[in-house]
Amino acid sequence: MERFMNENDLLDIIRKEIEKYIREKNSSQGQNIKEKITLLGEDLVLKEELEKRFEISDESDKIVVFSLEIDELFSISNATYINPKTELIIKSLLKNKYIYLIEEGISWRSYSCEVKKIADKYLSYEKELKDMGIKIIKKMEVLDYLDNTKRKKYFDKKVMTLKDVKEIEREAADEIVISDKIFITDSAKEYLKNSALEIKKG
């Protein structure tokens, strides 16, 4: 049983969201003026999709980081830089720019690490980045963040617990998108009744 959506499903959702946004914008405006964003790292498919909606530029207040190696993660978590990419990220933070790191591009996450101490260490580095203001988001969430629309959190686990809901709430999400087959625990359901979070099946 698969725990996560596959890559093709994710990219298909991203394409549909971008195409929908462009159609809506073009119908309300005679001319669609593209907003500028900066891209760091390699993800040719996602880059191609974002180019349909945004102007790719080195001068932008919004930076999307496609990938991050372990040494780069450690460096940024300590507010230092080791290469041009990490230097740009640190200096962009100092300039109060918006930085979005694609979760699937964080290199250590591609390993099936069963050593808890190692995973906890890397997660602590990620927490440092979040505390600095870097948003760690999934590919399918990119458009929502870049367009400053309703913040959607795509939840792809099979079970949603109270802990999961509180974590999503801390990430300042407005809406949780879930699958039809997800199981929500009773404690999570009770909490959601009094929460501003919206649940949407998608």
N, C-alpha and C. Protein backbone atom coordinates (compact mmCIF):
# COMPACT_ATOMS: atom_id res chain seq x y z
N MET A 1 0.85 -1.21 0.00
CA MET A 1 0.00 0.00 0.00
C MET A 1 0.88 1.24 0.00
N GLU A 2 0.65 2.12 -0.98
CA GLU A 2 1.48 3.32 -1.09
C GLU A 2 1.07 4.33 -0.04
N ARG A 3 2.06 4.96 0.54
CA ARG A 3 1.78 5.97 1.57
C ARG A 3 1.67 7.35 0.97
N PHE A 4 2.41 7.59 -0.08
CA PHE A 4 2.44 8.92 -0.68
C PHE A 4 2.00 8.87 -2.14
N MET A 5 1.53 10.00 -2.65
CA MET A 5 1.21 10.11 -4.07
C MET A 5 2.50 9.97 -4.88
N ASN A 6 2.39 9.42 -6.11
CA ASN A 6 3.60 9.33 -6.92
C ASN A 6 3.89 10.65 -7.62
N GLU A 7 5.06 10.74 -8.22
CA GLU A 7 5.54 11.99 -8.83
C GLU A 7 4.61 12.48 -9.93
N ASN A 8 4.11 11.56 -10.76
CA ASN A 8 3.24 11.96 -11.86
C ASN A 8 1.93 12.57 -11.37
N ASP A 9 1.39 12.00 -10.28
CA ASP A 9 0.16 12.54 -9.70
C ASP A 9 0.38 13.96 -9.19
N LEU A 10 1.52 14.18 -8.53
CA LEU A 10 1.84 15.50 -8.00
C LEU A 10 1.95 16.52 -9.12
N LEU A 11 2.69 16.17 -10.16
CA LEU A 11 2.90 17.10 -11.27
C LEU A 11 1.60 17.38 -12.01
N ASP A 12 0.74 16.38 -12.11
CA ASP A 12 -0.55 16.57 -12.77
C ASP A 12 -1.40 17.58 -12.01
N ILE A 13 -1.39 17.49 -10.68
CA ILE A 13 -2.15 18.44 -9.85
C ILE A 13 -1.59 19.85 -10.04
N ILE A 14 -0.25 19.97 -10.04
CA ILE A 14 0.39 21.28 -10.22
C ILE A 14 0.00 21.88 -11.56
N ARG A 15 0.06 21.07 -12.63
CA ARG A 15 -0.30 21.57 -13.96
C ARG A 15 -1.74 22.09 -14.00
N LYS A 16 -2.64 21.31 -13.43
CA LYS A 16 -4.06 21.70 -13.45
C LYS A 16 -4.29 22.99 -12.68
N GLU A 17 -3.62 23.13 -11.53
CA GLU A 17 -3.78 24.34 -10.72
C GLU A 17 -3.26 25.57 -11.47
N ILE A 18 -2.10 25.41 -12.12
CA ILE A 18 -1.51 26.53 -12.86
C ILE A 18 -2.38 26.90 -14.06
N GLU A 19 -2.84 25.90 -14.80
CA GLU A 19 -3.68 26.16 -15.96
C GLU A 19 -4.99 26.84 -15.55
N LYS A 20 -5.57 26.40 -14.44
CA LYS A 20 -6.80 27.01 -13.94
C LYS A 20 -6.57 28.46 -13.56
N TYR A 21 -5.44 28.71 -12.89
CA TYR A 21 -5.13 30.08 -12.46
C TYR A 21 -4.96 31.00 -13.67
N ILE A 22 -4.24 30.52 -14.68
CA ILE A 22 -3.99 31.34 -15.88
C ILE A 22 -5.31 31.64 -16.60
N ARG A 23 -6.18 30.65 -16.70
CA ARG A 23 -7.47 30.87 -17.36
C ARG A 23 -8.29 31.93 -16.64
N GLU A 24 -8.31 31.84 -15.31
CA GLU A 24 -9.08 32.80 -14.52
C GLU A 24 -8.51 34.20 -14.64
N LYS A 25 -7.18 34.31 -14.63
CA LYS A 25 -6.54 35.62 -14.75
C LYS A 25 -6.80 36.23 -16.12
N ASN A 26 -6.66 35.41 -17.15
CA ASN A 26 -6.84 35.91 -18.51
C ASN A 26 -8.28 36.34 -18.78
N SER A 27 -9.22 35.69 -18.10
CA SER A 27 -10.62 36.05 -18.31
C SER A 27 -10.99 37.36 -17.62
N SER A 28 -10.23 37.72 -16.57
CA SER A 28 -10.53 38.95 -15.82
C SER A 28 -9.63 40.11 -16.23
N GLN A 29 -8.56 39.81 -16.97
CA GLN A 29 -7.63 40.86 -17.40
C GLN A 29 -7.37 40.74 -18.90
N GLY A 30 -7.26 41.86 -19.56
CA GLY A 30 -6.97 41.84 -20.99
C GLY A 30 -5.58 41.31 -21.25
N GLN A 31 -4.68 41.54 -20.34
CA GLN A 31 -3.30 41.12 -20.51
C GLN A 31 -2.79 40.57 -19.19
N ASN A 32 -2.13 39.44 -19.24
CA ASN A 32 -1.65 38.80 -18.02
C ASN A 32 -0.19 39.21 -17.77
N ILE A 33 0.03 40.05 -16.77
CA ILE A 33 1.38 40.49 -16.44
C ILE A 33 2.00 39.49 -15.48
N LYS A 34 3.09 38.90 -15.88
CA LYS A 34 3.71 37.86 -15.06
C LYS A 34 4.50 38.44 -13.89
N GLU A 35 4.31 37.83 -12.75
CA GLU A 35 5.08 38.20 -11.56
C GLU A 35 6.46 37.54 -11.65
N LYS A 36 7.47 38.19 -11.08
CA LYS A 36 8.82 37.66 -11.11
C LYS A 36 9.09 36.73 -9.92
N ILE A 37 9.77 35.62 -10.20
CA ILE A 37 10.25 34.74 -9.13
C ILE A 37 11.66 34.28 -9.49
N THR A 38 12.41 33.90 -8.47
CA THR A 38 13.77 33.37 -8.66
C THR A 38 13.75 31.88 -8.36
N LEU A 39 14.43 31.09 -9.19
CA LEU A 39 14.49 29.64 -9.00
C LEU A 39 15.92 29.22 -8.72
N LEU A 40 16.09 28.34 -7.73
CA LEU A 40 17.40 27.80 -7.38
C LEU A 40 17.36 26.28 -7.40
N GLY A 41 18.37 25.66 -8.02
CA GLY A 41 18.41 24.21 -8.08
C GLY A 41 17.84 23.70 -9.39
N GLU A 42 17.72 22.38 -9.50
CA GLU A 42 17.29 21.76 -10.74
C GLU A 42 16.01 20.95 -10.56
N ASP A 43 15.01 21.30 -11.31
CA ASP A 43 13.78 20.51 -11.44
C ASP A 43 13.14 20.99 -12.73
N LEU A 44 13.55 20.40 -13.83
CA LEU A 44 13.17 20.90 -15.15
C LEU A 44 11.67 20.89 -15.38
N VAL A 45 11.00 19.85 -14.88
CA VAL A 45 9.55 19.74 -15.10
C VAL A 45 8.81 20.82 -14.34
N LEU A 46 9.15 21.00 -13.06
CA LEU A 46 8.48 22.02 -12.26
C LEU A 46 8.82 23.42 -12.78
N LYS A 47 10.07 23.61 -13.20
CA LYS A 47 10.48 24.90 -13.76
C LYS A 47 9.64 25.24 -14.99
N GLU A 48 9.46 24.25 -15.86
CA GLU A 48 8.68 24.46 -17.08
C GLU A 48 7.24 24.87 -16.75
N GLU A 49 6.68 24.26 -15.71
CA GLU A 49 5.31 24.59 -15.32
C GLU A 49 5.22 26.00 -14.74
N LEU A 50 6.20 26.36 -13.92
CA LEU A 50 6.18 27.69 -13.30
C LEU A 50 6.42 28.80 -14.32
N GLU A 51 7.18 28.50 -15.37
CA GLU A 51 7.44 29.49 -16.41
C GLU A 51 6.15 29.90 -17.14
N LYS A 52 5.14 29.05 -17.10
CA LYS A 52 3.87 29.38 -17.74
C LYS A 52 3.15 30.50 -17.00
N ARG A 53 3.44 30.61 -15.72
CA ARG A 53 2.72 31.59 -14.88
C ARG A 53 3.59 32.77 -14.44
N PHE A 54 4.90 32.54 -14.28
CA PHE A 54 5.78 33.57 -13.74
C PHE A 54 6.93 33.89 -14.69
N GLU A 55 7.49 35.07 -14.49
CA GLU A 55 8.72 35.46 -15.18
C GLU A 55 9.89 35.06 -14.29
N ILE A 56 10.79 34.25 -14.83
CA ILE A 56 11.94 33.80 -14.05
C ILE A 56 13.01 34.88 -14.09
N SER A 57 13.43 35.33 -12.91
CA SER A 57 14.36 36.46 -12.83
C SER A 57 15.31 36.27 -11.65
N ASP A 58 16.50 36.86 -11.78
CA ASP A 58 17.46 36.84 -10.67
C ASP A 58 17.10 37.89 -9.62
N GLU A 59 16.24 38.81 -9.99
CA GLU A 59 15.82 39.88 -9.08
C GLU A 59 14.35 39.70 -8.73
N SER A 60 14.11 39.13 -7.58
CA SER A 60 12.74 38.88 -7.15
C SER A 60 12.68 38.79 -5.63
N ASP A 61 11.50 39.08 -5.08
CA ASP A 61 11.31 38.97 -3.64
C ASP A 61 10.87 37.57 -3.24
N LYS A 62 10.61 36.72 -4.24
CA LYS A 62 10.19 35.34 -3.97
C LYS A 62 11.17 34.37 -4.62
N ILE A 63 11.69 33.47 -3.80
CA ILE A 63 12.70 32.51 -4.27
C ILE A 63 12.22 31.09 -3.99
N VAL A 64 12.22 30.26 -5.03
CA VAL A 64 11.85 28.86 -4.89
C VAL A 64 13.12 28.02 -4.99
N VAL A 65 13.40 27.25 -3.95
CA VAL A 65 14.59 26.40 -3.92
C VAL A 65 14.15 24.97 -4.22
N PHE A 66 14.57 24.45 -5.38
CA PHE A 66 14.15 23.13 -5.81
C PHE A 66 14.85 22.01 -5.04
N SER A 67 16.10 22.23 -4.68
CA SER A 67 16.88 21.15 -4.06
C SER A 67 17.87 21.69 -3.04
N LEU A 68 18.20 20.84 -2.07
CA LEU A 68 19.16 21.23 -1.04
C LEU A 68 19.88 19.99 -0.54
N GLU A 69 21.21 20.02 -0.63
CA GLU A 69 22.03 18.91 -0.14
C GLU A 69 22.19 19.01 1.38
N ILE A 70 22.66 17.94 1.98
CA ILE A 70 22.79 17.88 3.44
C ILE A 70 23.74 18.96 3.96
N ASP A 71 24.89 19.13 3.28
CA ASP A 71 25.84 20.15 3.75
C ASP A 71 25.27 21.56 3.59
N GLU A 72 24.44 21.76 2.57
CA GLU A 72 23.80 23.07 2.38
C GLU A 72 22.75 23.31 3.46
N LEU A 73 22.02 22.26 3.80
CA LEU A 73 21.02 22.36 4.87
C LEU A 73 21.68 22.73 6.19
N PHE A 74 22.78 22.06 6.50
CA PHE A 74 23.52 22.34 7.74
C PHE A 74 24.05 23.77 7.74
N SER A 75 24.61 24.19 6.61
CA SER A 75 25.19 25.52 6.51
C SER A 75 24.15 26.61 6.76
N ILE A 76 23.02 26.50 6.08
CA ILE A 76 21.97 27.52 6.23
C ILE A 76 21.41 27.52 7.64
N SER A 77 21.27 26.33 8.24
CA SER A 77 20.74 26.25 9.60
C SER A 77 21.64 26.96 10.60
N ASN A 78 22.90 27.15 10.23
CA ASN A 78 23.85 27.86 11.08
C ASN A 78 24.12 29.28 10.58
N ALA A 79 23.26 29.74 9.66
CA ALA A 79 23.34 31.11 9.13
C ALA A 79 24.66 31.42 8.45
N THR A 80 25.25 30.40 7.81
CA THR A 80 26.48 30.59 7.05
C THR A 80 26.27 30.03 5.64
N TYR A 81 27.20 30.32 4.73
CA TYR A 81 27.06 29.79 3.38
C TYR A 81 28.36 29.16 2.90
N ILE A 82 28.21 28.16 2.01
CA ILE A 82 29.36 27.40 1.53
C ILE A 82 29.49 27.44 0.01
N ASN A 83 28.50 28.00 -0.66
CA ASN A 83 28.52 28.08 -2.12
C ASN A 83 27.58 29.21 -2.56
N PRO A 84 27.56 29.53 -3.85
CA PRO A 84 26.71 30.63 -4.32
C PRO A 84 25.22 30.47 -3.97
N LYS A 85 24.73 29.23 -4.01
CA LYS A 85 23.31 29.01 -3.72
C LYS A 85 22.99 29.34 -2.27
N THR A 86 23.78 28.82 -1.34
CA THR A 86 23.51 29.09 0.08
C THR A 86 23.79 30.55 0.42
N GLU A 87 24.74 31.16 -0.29
CA GLU A 87 25.01 32.59 -0.07
C GLU A 87 23.79 33.42 -0.46
N LEU A 88 23.19 33.09 -1.60
CA LEU A 88 22.01 33.82 -2.05
C LEU A 88 20.85 33.64 -1.06
N ILE A 89 20.70 32.43 -0.54
CA ILE A 89 19.61 32.17 0.41
C ILE A 89 19.80 32.98 1.68
N ILE A 90 21.01 32.95 2.24
CA ILE A 90 21.29 33.69 3.48
C ILE A 90 21.10 35.19 3.26
N LYS A 91 21.66 35.72 2.17
CA LYS A 91 21.54 37.16 1.92
C LYS A 91 20.10 37.57 1.61
N SER A 92 19.34 36.66 1.02
CA SER A 92 17.93 36.95 0.76
C SER A 92 17.14 37.00 2.07
N LEU A 93 17.51 36.15 3.02
CA LEU A 93 16.87 36.19 4.34
C LEU A 93 17.17 37.52 5.02
N LEU A 94 18.41 37.98 4.88
CA LEU A 94 18.79 39.26 5.48
C LEU A 94 18.03 40.43 4.85
N LYS A 95 17.58 40.23 3.60
CA LYS A 95 16.82 41.27 2.91
C LYS A 95 15.31 41.06 3.06
N ASN A 96 14.94 40.11 3.94
CA ASN A 96 13.52 39.83 4.22
C ASN A 96 12.73 39.35 3.00
N LYS A 97 13.39 38.58 2.14
CA LYS A 97 12.70 38.02 0.99
C LYS A 97 11.99 36.73 1.38
N TYR A 98 11.03 36.32 0.54
CA TYR A 98 10.28 35.10 0.79
C TYR A 98 11.01 33.91 0.14
N ILE A 99 11.26 32.87 0.93
CA ILE A 99 11.98 31.71 0.41
C ILE A 99 11.14 30.46 0.64
N TYR A 100 10.96 29.69 -0.44
CA TYR A 100 10.17 28.47 -0.39
C TYR A 100 11.05 27.29 -0.80
N LEU A 101 11.24 26.36 0.10
CA LEU A 101 12.07 25.18 -0.14
C LEU A 101 11.16 23.98 -0.42
N ILE A 102 11.39 23.33 -1.56
CA ILE A 102 10.58 22.17 -1.93
C ILE A 102 11.01 20.97 -1.08
N GLU A 103 10.06 20.46 -0.30
CA GLU A 103 10.35 19.36 0.62
C GLU A 103 10.93 18.14 -0.09
N GLU A 104 10.36 17.79 -1.26
CA GLU A 104 10.83 16.61 -1.99
C GLU A 104 12.26 16.78 -2.51
N GLY A 105 12.77 18.02 -2.52
CA GLY A 105 14.12 18.27 -3.01
C GLY A 105 15.19 18.27 -1.93
N ILE A 106 14.80 18.07 -0.68
CA ILE A 106 15.78 18.00 0.41
C ILE A 106 16.41 16.62 0.35
N SER A 107 17.70 16.56 0.05
CA SER A 107 18.35 15.31 -0.35
C SER A 107 18.23 14.17 0.67
N TRP A 108 18.35 14.47 1.96
CA TRP A 108 18.34 13.38 2.94
C TRP A 108 17.00 12.66 2.97
N ARG A 109 15.95 13.33 2.54
CA ARG A 109 14.62 12.74 2.57
C ARG A 109 14.43 11.65 1.51
N SER A 110 15.35 11.56 0.57
CA SER A 110 15.25 10.52 -0.45
C SER A 110 15.77 9.17 0.05
N TYR A 111 16.37 9.17 1.25
CA TYR A 111 16.87 7.93 1.85
C TYR A 111 15.85 7.36 2.83
N SER A 112 15.81 6.04 2.94
CA SER A 112 14.96 5.38 3.93
C SER A 112 15.76 5.23 5.22
N CYS A 113 15.97 6.34 5.88
CA CYS A 113 16.81 6.36 7.09
C CYS A 113 16.05 5.79 8.28
N GLU A 114 16.56 4.71 8.86
CA GLU A 114 15.93 4.10 10.02
C GLU A 114 16.69 4.42 11.31
N VAL A 115 17.74 5.21 11.19
CA VAL A 115 18.50 5.63 12.38
C VAL A 115 17.86 6.91 12.89
N LYS A 116 17.09 6.80 13.97
CA LYS A 116 16.30 7.92 14.46
C LYS A 116 17.17 9.13 14.80
N LYS A 117 18.34 8.89 15.35
CA LYS A 117 19.20 10.00 15.77
C LYS A 117 19.63 10.84 14.57
N ILE A 118 19.89 10.18 13.45
CA ILE A 118 20.29 10.91 12.24
C ILE A 118 19.10 11.72 11.70
N ALA A 119 17.95 11.05 11.59
CA ALA A 119 16.76 11.74 11.08
C ALA A 119 16.39 12.93 11.97
N ASP A 120 16.47 12.73 13.28
CA ASP A 120 16.14 13.82 14.22
C ASP A 120 17.10 15.00 14.05
N LYS A 121 18.36 14.68 13.78
CA LYS A 121 19.37 15.73 13.59
C LYS A 121 19.03 16.57 12.35
N TYR A 122 18.72 15.89 11.24
CA TYR A 122 18.38 16.61 10.02
C TYR A 122 17.08 17.40 10.16
N LEU A 123 16.12 16.82 10.87
CA LEU A 123 14.86 17.53 11.12
C LEU A 123 15.09 18.78 11.97
N SER A 124 16.08 18.70 12.86
CA SER A 124 16.40 19.88 13.68
C SER A 124 16.99 20.99 12.81
N TYR A 125 17.75 20.60 11.77
CA TYR A 125 18.26 21.60 10.82
C TYR A 125 17.10 22.26 10.08
N GLU A 126 16.14 21.43 9.67
CA GLU A 126 14.97 21.97 8.96
C GLU A 126 14.19 22.93 9.86
N LYS A 127 14.09 22.59 11.13
CA LYS A 127 13.37 23.47 12.06
C LYS A 127 14.06 24.83 12.16
N GLU A 128 15.39 24.82 12.13
CA GLU A 128 16.14 26.08 12.17
C GLU A 128 15.78 26.94 10.95
N LEU A 129 15.66 26.29 9.79
CA LEU A 129 15.29 27.02 8.57
C LEU A 129 13.89 27.62 8.70
N LYS A 130 12.98 26.83 9.24
CA LYS A 130 11.60 27.32 9.44
C LYS A 130 11.59 28.50 10.40
N ASP A 131 12.40 28.41 11.45
CA ASP A 131 12.46 29.49 12.44
C ASP A 131 13.03 30.77 11.83
N MET A 132 13.84 30.61 10.78
CA MET A 132 14.40 31.77 10.08
C MET A 132 13.39 32.40 9.11
N GLY A 133 12.31 31.69 8.85
CA GLY A 133 11.30 32.21 7.95
C GLY A 133 11.19 31.49 6.62
N ILE A 134 12.02 30.45 6.41
CA ILE A 134 11.94 29.67 5.18
C ILE A 134 10.74 28.73 5.25
N LYS A 135 9.92 28.74 4.21
CA LYS A 135 8.76 27.85 4.14
C LYS A 135 9.16 26.56 3.45
N ILE A 136 9.00 25.43 4.12
CA ILE A 136 9.26 24.13 3.52
C ILE A 136 7.92 23.58 3.06
N ILE A 137 7.75 23.47 1.74
CA ILE A 137 6.45 23.12 1.17
C ILE A 137 6.58 21.98 0.17
N LYS A 138 5.47 21.31 -0.09
CA LYS A 138 5.45 20.26 -1.10
C LYS A 138 5.28 20.88 -2.49
N LYS A 139 5.65 20.12 -3.51
CA LYS A 139 5.55 20.64 -4.88
C LYS A 139 4.15 21.14 -5.20
N MET A 140 3.15 20.37 -4.79
CA MET A 140 1.79 20.73 -5.14
C MET A 140 1.28 21.97 -4.41
N GLU A 141 2.05 22.47 -3.44
CA GLU A 141 1.64 23.66 -2.70
C GLU A 141 2.27 24.95 -3.24
N VAL A 142 3.17 24.81 -4.21
CA VAL A 142 3.96 25.95 -4.69
C VAL A 142 3.08 27.11 -5.15
N LEU A 143 2.11 26.82 -6.00
CA LEU A 143 1.30 27.90 -6.57
C LEU A 143 0.52 28.65 -5.51
N ASP A 144 0.00 27.93 -4.52
CA ASP A 144 -0.76 28.59 -3.45
C ASP A 144 0.09 29.59 -2.70
N TYR A 145 1.33 29.22 -2.41
CA TYR A 145 2.21 30.11 -1.67
C TYR A 145 2.67 31.29 -2.52
N LEU A 146 3.01 31.03 -3.76
CA LEU A 146 3.51 32.11 -4.62
C LEU A 146 2.44 33.14 -4.94
N ASP A 147 1.20 32.72 -4.99
CA ASP A 147 0.11 33.63 -5.35
C ASP A 147 -0.57 34.26 -4.14
N ASN A 148 -0.09 33.90 -2.94
CA ASN A 148 -0.67 34.47 -1.72
C ASN A 148 -2.18 34.24 -1.63
N THR A 149 -2.62 33.11 -2.11
CA THR A 149 -4.04 32.78 -2.01
C THR A 149 -4.26 31.96 -0.75
N LYS A 150 -5.41 31.32 -0.67
CA LYS A 150 -5.68 30.48 0.50
C LYS A 150 -4.60 29.42 0.63
N ARG A 151 -4.01 29.29 1.82
CA ARG A 151 -2.93 28.34 2.03
C ARG A 151 -3.48 26.92 2.15
N LYS A 152 -3.15 26.09 1.16
CA LYS A 152 -3.60 24.71 1.18
C LYS A 152 -2.49 23.79 1.66
N LYS A 153 -2.85 22.81 2.44
CA LYS A 153 -1.91 21.78 2.87
C LYS A 153 -2.42 20.45 2.32
N TYR A 154 -1.64 19.84 1.44
CA TYR A 154 -2.03 18.56 0.86
C TYR A 154 -1.54 17.44 1.77
N PHE A 155 -2.48 16.76 2.40
CA PHE A 155 -2.14 15.73 3.38
C PHE A 155 -2.21 14.37 2.70
N ASP A 156 -1.06 13.69 2.57
CA ASP A 156 -1.02 12.46 1.79
C ASP A 156 -0.78 11.19 2.60
N LYS A 157 -0.93 11.27 3.92
CA LYS A 157 -0.83 10.06 4.73
C LYS A 157 -2.17 9.34 4.73
N LYS A 158 -2.18 8.11 5.21
CA LYS A 158 -3.41 7.32 5.25
C LYS A 158 -4.25 7.63 6.48
N VAL A 159 -3.59 8.11 7.55
CA VAL A 159 -4.28 8.40 8.80
C VAL A 159 -3.94 9.82 9.25
N MET A 160 -4.95 10.59 9.65
CA MET A 160 -4.72 11.93 10.17
C MET A 160 -5.03 11.94 11.67
N THR A 161 -4.03 12.30 12.47
CA THR A 161 -4.18 12.33 13.91
C THR A 161 -4.30 13.78 14.41
N LEU A 162 -4.59 13.92 15.69
CA LEU A 162 -4.66 15.26 16.29
C LEU A 162 -3.31 15.96 16.16
N LYS A 163 -2.23 15.22 16.33
CA LYS A 163 -0.89 15.79 16.20
C LYS A 163 -0.68 16.37 14.80
N ASP A 164 -1.15 15.65 13.78
CA ASP A 164 -1.02 16.12 12.40
C ASP A 164 -1.78 17.43 12.20
N VAL A 165 -2.99 17.50 12.72
CA VAL A 165 -3.82 18.69 12.56
C VAL A 165 -3.17 19.91 13.21
N LYS A 166 -2.64 19.72 14.41
CA LYS A 166 -2.00 20.83 15.12
C LYS A 166 -0.75 21.30 14.39
N GLU A 167 -0.02 20.36 13.80
CA GLU A 167 1.18 20.71 13.04
C GLU A 167 0.81 21.54 11.81
N ILE A 168 -0.25 21.13 11.12
CA ILE A 168 -0.72 21.87 9.95
C ILE A 168 -1.17 23.27 10.34
N GLU A 169 -1.83 23.37 11.47
CA GLU A 169 -2.31 24.66 11.97
C GLU A 169 -1.14 25.59 12.26
N ARG A 170 -0.05 25.03 12.80
CA ARG A 170 1.14 25.84 13.10
C ARG A 170 1.79 26.36 11.82
N GLU A 171 1.58 25.67 10.72
CA GLU A 171 2.15 26.09 9.44
C GLU A 171 1.31 27.17 8.77
N ALA A 172 0.30 27.64 9.47
CA ALA A 172 -0.55 28.75 8.99
C ALA A 172 -1.33 28.38 7.73
N ALA A 173 -1.72 27.12 7.62
CA ALA A 173 -2.55 26.70 6.49
C ALA A 173 -4.00 27.07 6.76
N ASP A 174 -4.76 27.30 5.69
CA ASP A 174 -6.18 27.61 5.81
C ASP A 174 -7.05 26.41 5.47
N GLU A 175 -6.50 25.53 4.63
CA GLU A 175 -7.30 24.43 4.11
C GLU A 175 -6.45 23.17 4.02
N ILE A 176 -7.04 22.02 4.39
CA ILE A 176 -6.35 20.73 4.26
C ILE A 176 -7.03 19.95 3.15
N VAL A 177 -6.25 19.54 2.16
CA VAL A 177 -6.78 18.74 1.06
C VAL A 177 -6.42 17.28 1.32
N ILE A 178 -7.43 16.42 1.38
CA ILE A 178 -7.22 15.01 1.71
C ILE A 178 -7.82 14.11 0.63
N SER A 179 -7.48 12.84 0.67
CA SER A 179 -8.06 11.87 -0.25
C SER A 179 -9.34 11.30 0.35
N ASP A 180 -10.13 10.64 -0.48
CA ASP A 180 -11.40 10.05 -0.01
C ASP A 180 -11.17 8.90 0.96
N LYS A 181 -10.01 8.27 0.87
CA LYS A 181 -9.76 7.06 1.66
C LYS A 181 -9.06 7.31 2.99
N ILE A 182 -8.81 8.56 3.31
CA ILE A 182 -8.08 8.86 4.54
C ILE A 182 -8.94 8.56 5.78
N PHE A 183 -8.28 8.12 6.85
CA PHE A 183 -8.95 7.89 8.13
C PHE A 183 -8.56 9.01 9.09
N ILE A 184 -9.56 9.69 9.63
CA ILE A 184 -9.32 10.78 10.58
C ILE A 184 -9.71 10.30 11.97
N THR A 185 -8.79 10.37 12.90
CA THR A 185 -9.06 9.89 14.26
C THR A 185 -10.13 10.76 14.92
N ASP A 186 -10.79 10.19 15.93
CA ASP A 186 -11.87 10.90 16.62
C ASP A 186 -11.38 12.20 17.27
N SER A 187 -10.18 12.14 17.86
CA SER A 187 -9.64 13.34 18.52
C SER A 187 -9.37 14.45 17.51
N ALA A 188 -8.91 14.05 16.30
CA ALA A 188 -8.66 15.03 15.25
C ALA A 188 -9.97 15.65 14.76
N LYS A 189 -11.00 14.81 14.59
CA LYS A 189 -12.31 15.30 14.16
C LYS A 189 -12.87 16.31 15.16
N GLU A 190 -12.75 15.99 16.45
CA GLU A 190 -13.28 16.86 17.49
C GLU A 190 -12.57 18.20 17.49
N TYR A 191 -11.25 18.15 17.30
CA TYR A 191 -10.45 19.38 17.28
C TYR A 191 -10.83 20.24 16.08
N LEU A 192 -11.04 19.61 14.93
CA LEU A 192 -11.35 20.34 13.70
C LEU A 192 -12.70 21.06 13.77
N LYS A 193 -13.61 20.57 14.62
CA LYS A 193 -14.91 21.21 14.76
C LYS A 193 -14.78 22.65 15.24
N ASN A 194 -13.77 22.90 16.07
CA ASN A 194 -13.57 24.23 16.64
C ASN A 194 -12.37 24.96 16.02
N SER A 195 -11.90 24.44 14.89
CA SER A 195 -10.73 25.03 14.23
C SER A 195 -11.17 25.80 12.99
N ALA A 196 -10.38 26.79 12.61
CA ALA A 196 -10.66 27.57 11.39
C ALA A 196 -10.23 26.82 10.13
N LEU A 197 -9.53 25.71 10.31
CA LEU A 197 -9.08 24.92 9.17
C LEU A 197 -10.26 24.32 8.41
N GLU A 198 -10.18 24.36 7.10
CA GLU A 198 -11.21 23.75 6.26
C GLU A 198 -10.68 22.42 5.71
N ILE A 199 -11.57 21.44 5.61
CA ILE A 199 -11.21 20.14 5.04
C ILE A 199 -11.84 20.02 3.65
N LYS A 200 -11.02 19.68 2.67
CA LYS A 200 -11.52 19.53 1.31
C LYS A 200 -10.96 18.25 0.71
N LYS A 201 -11.82 17.47 0.07
CA LYS A 201 -11.38 16.25 -0.57
C LYS A 201 -10.98 16.55 -2.01
N GLY A 202 -9.81 16.03 -2.39
CA GLY A 202 -9.32 16.31 -3.73
C GLY A 202 -8.49 15.18 -4.28
